[in-house]
C-alpha atoms as a PDB file:
ATOM      1  CA  MET A   1      -6.009   1.013   3.268  1.00  0.00           C
ATOM      2  CA  PHE A   2      -6.122   4.301   1.387  1.00  0.00           C
ATOM      3  CA  TYR A   3      -5.852   3.550  -2.330  1.00  0.00           C
ATOM      4  CA  ASP A   4      -6.219   6.173  -5.045  1.00  0.00           C
ATOM      5  CA  GLY A   5      -7.989   8.528  -2.614  1.00  0.00           C
ATOM      6  CA  GLN A   6     -10.479   5.870  -1.443  1.00  0.00           C
ATOM      7  CA  TYR A   7     -10.579   4.187   1.967  1.00  0.00           C
ATOM      8  CA  PHE A   8     -10.990   0.401   2.015  1.00  0.00           C
ATOM      9  CA  MET A   9     -11.396  -1.584   5.216  1.00  0.00           C
ATOM     10  CA  ASN A  10     -11.610  -5.253   6.154  1.00  0.00           C
ATOM     11  CA  ILE A  11      -9.691  -6.440   3.124  1.00  0.00           C
ATOM     12  CA  GLU A  12      -7.010  -9.096   3.121  1.00  0.00           C
ATOM     13  CA  LEU A  13      -3.542  -7.917   2.135  1.00  0.00           C
ATOM     14  CA  LYS A  14      -0.097  -9.452   1.815  1.00  0.00           C
ATOM     15  CA  TYR A  15       3.116  -7.444   1.775  1.00  0.00           C
ATOM     16  CA  ASP A  16       6.045  -8.803  -0.223  1.00  0.00           C
ATOM     17  CA  ILE A  17       9.015  -7.403   1.679  1.00  0.00           C
ATOM     18  CA  LEU A  18      11.533  -8.662  -0.883  1.00  0.00           C
ATOM     19  CA  TYR A  19       9.981  -6.836  -3.849  1.00  0.00           C
ATOM     20  CA  ASP A  20       8.280  -4.062  -1.798  1.00  0.00           C
ATOM     21  CA  LYS A  21       4.821  -4.876  -3.204  1.00  0.00           C
ATOM     22  CA  LEU A  22       1.374  -4.868  -1.640  1.00  0.00           C
ATOM     23  CA  ILE A  23      -0.892  -7.725  -2.752  1.00  0.00           C
ATOM     24  CA  TYR A  24      -4.695  -7.767  -2.455  1.00  0.00           C
ATOM     25  CA  LYS A  25      -6.307 -11.156  -1.796  1.00  0.00           C
ATOM     26  CA  PRO A  26     -10.031 -11.169  -2.711  1.00  0.00           C
ATOM     27  CA  MET A  27     -12.374 -13.238  -0.563  1.00  0.00           C
ATOM     28  CA  GLY A  28     -15.037 -15.686  -1.732  1.00  0.00           C
ATOM     29  CA  ASN A  29     -15.057 -17.327  -5.157  1.00  0.00           C
ATOM     30  CA  LYS A  30     -12.013 -15.347  -6.325  1.00  0.00           C
ATOM     31  CA  SER A  31      -9.837 -16.197  -3.316  1.00  0.00           C
ATOM     32  CA  PHE A  32      -7.320 -17.980  -5.580  1.00  0.00           C
ATOM     33  CA  LEU A  33      -6.381 -14.626  -7.176  1.00  0.00           C
ATOM     34  CA  ASN A  34      -3.606 -12.351  -5.954  1.00  0.00           C
ATOM     35  CA  ILE A  35      -3.735  -8.798  -7.296  1.00  0.00           C
ATOM     36  CA  GLU A  36      -0.653  -6.589  -7.135  1.00  0.00           C
ATOM     37  CA  LEU A  37      -1.689  -3.032  -6.304  1.00  0.00           C
ATOM     38  CA  ILE A  38      -0.216  -0.047  -8.152  1.00  0.00           C
ATOM     39  CA  LYS A  39       2.385   1.361  -5.771  1.00  0.00           C
ATOM     40  CA  ASN A  40       2.007   5.073  -6.489  1.00  0.00           C
ATOM     41  CA  LYS A  41      -1.766   4.826  -5.812  1.00  0.00           C
ATOM     42  CA  ILE A  42      -1.258   3.393  -2.299  1.00  0.00           C
ATOM     43  CA  ASP A  43      -1.312   6.223   0.250  1.00  0.00           C
ATOM     44  CA  SER A  44      -1.166   4.010   3.341  1.00  0.00           C
ATOM     45  CA  PHE A  45      -2.226   0.654   4.730  1.00  0.00           C
ATOM     46  CA  SER A  46      -2.449  -1.096   8.087  1.00  0.00           C
ATOM     47  CA  PHE A  47      -1.145  -4.534   8.955  1.00  0.00           C
ATOM     48  CA  GLN A  48      -1.422  -6.138  12.406  1.00  0.00           C
ATOM     49  CA  ASN A  49      -2.128  -2.812  14.143  1.00  0.00           C
ATOM     50  CA  HIS A  50       0.788  -1.046  12.407  1.00  0.00           C
ATOM     51  CA  ARG A  51       0.225   1.752   9.901  1.00  0.00           C
ATOM     52  CA  PHE A  52       2.499   2.031   6.880  1.00  0.00           C
ATOM     53  CA  ILE A  53       2.732   5.206   4.807  1.00  0.00           C
ATOM     54  CA  ASN A  54       3.999   5.379   1.226  1.00  0.00           C
ATOM     55  CA  ALA A  55       7.399   7.050   1.621  1.00  0.00           C
ATOM     56  CA  GLY A  56       7.159   8.511  -1.892  1.00  0.00           C
ATOM     57  CA  LEU A  57       4.234  10.698  -0.827  1.00  0.00           C
ATOM     58  CA  ILE A  58       5.681  12.342   2.277  1.00  0.00           C
ATOM     59  CA  GLU A  59       5.739  16.126   2.250  1.00  0.00           C
ATOM     60  CA  GLU A  60       8.929  17.723   3.447  1.00  0.00           C
ATOM     61  CA  ASN A  61       9.415  21.504   3.526  1.00  0.00           C
ATOM     62  CA  LYS A  62       6.304  21.979   1.339  1.00  0.00           C
ATOM     63  CA  GLY A  63       7.760  19.762  -1.387  1.00  0.00           C
ATOM     64  CA  LEU A  64       7.601  16.083  -2.092  1.00  0.00           C
ATOM     65  CA  VAL A  65      10.420  13.746  -1.185  1.00  0.00           C
ATOM     66  CA  SER A  66      12.104  12.380  -4.291  1.00  0.00           C
ATOM     67  CA  ARG A  67      10.201   9.480  -5.864  1.00  0.00           C
ATOM     68  CA  THR A  68      13.473   7.531  -5.889  1.00  0.00           C
ATOM     69  CA  PHE A  69      13.010   7.126  -2.129  1.00  0.00           C
ATOM     70  CA  GLY A  70      10.610   4.196  -2.200  1.00  0.00           C
ATOM     71  CA  GLY A  71       9.064   1.795   0.233  1.00  0.00           C
ATOM     72  CA  TYR A  72       6.852   2.196   3.265  1.00  0.00           C
ATOM     73  CA  PHE A  73       7.545   3.200   6.817  1.00  0.00           C
END
């Protein structure tokens, strides 16, 4: 996952398809926590060998796609 310009690997994530939210699940003693990640800081993430890119960050014709176009593809 690329989050706020940083690359994180081997972390457990859940994706809430209904609310279009990415959830981080810490391992170890804090495994009971679920942390909702800030959407506009998520550049991309991988889930079961599929890569998802934040649609709000796609460059098109040297400009950004409207932020109203949300979600991941």
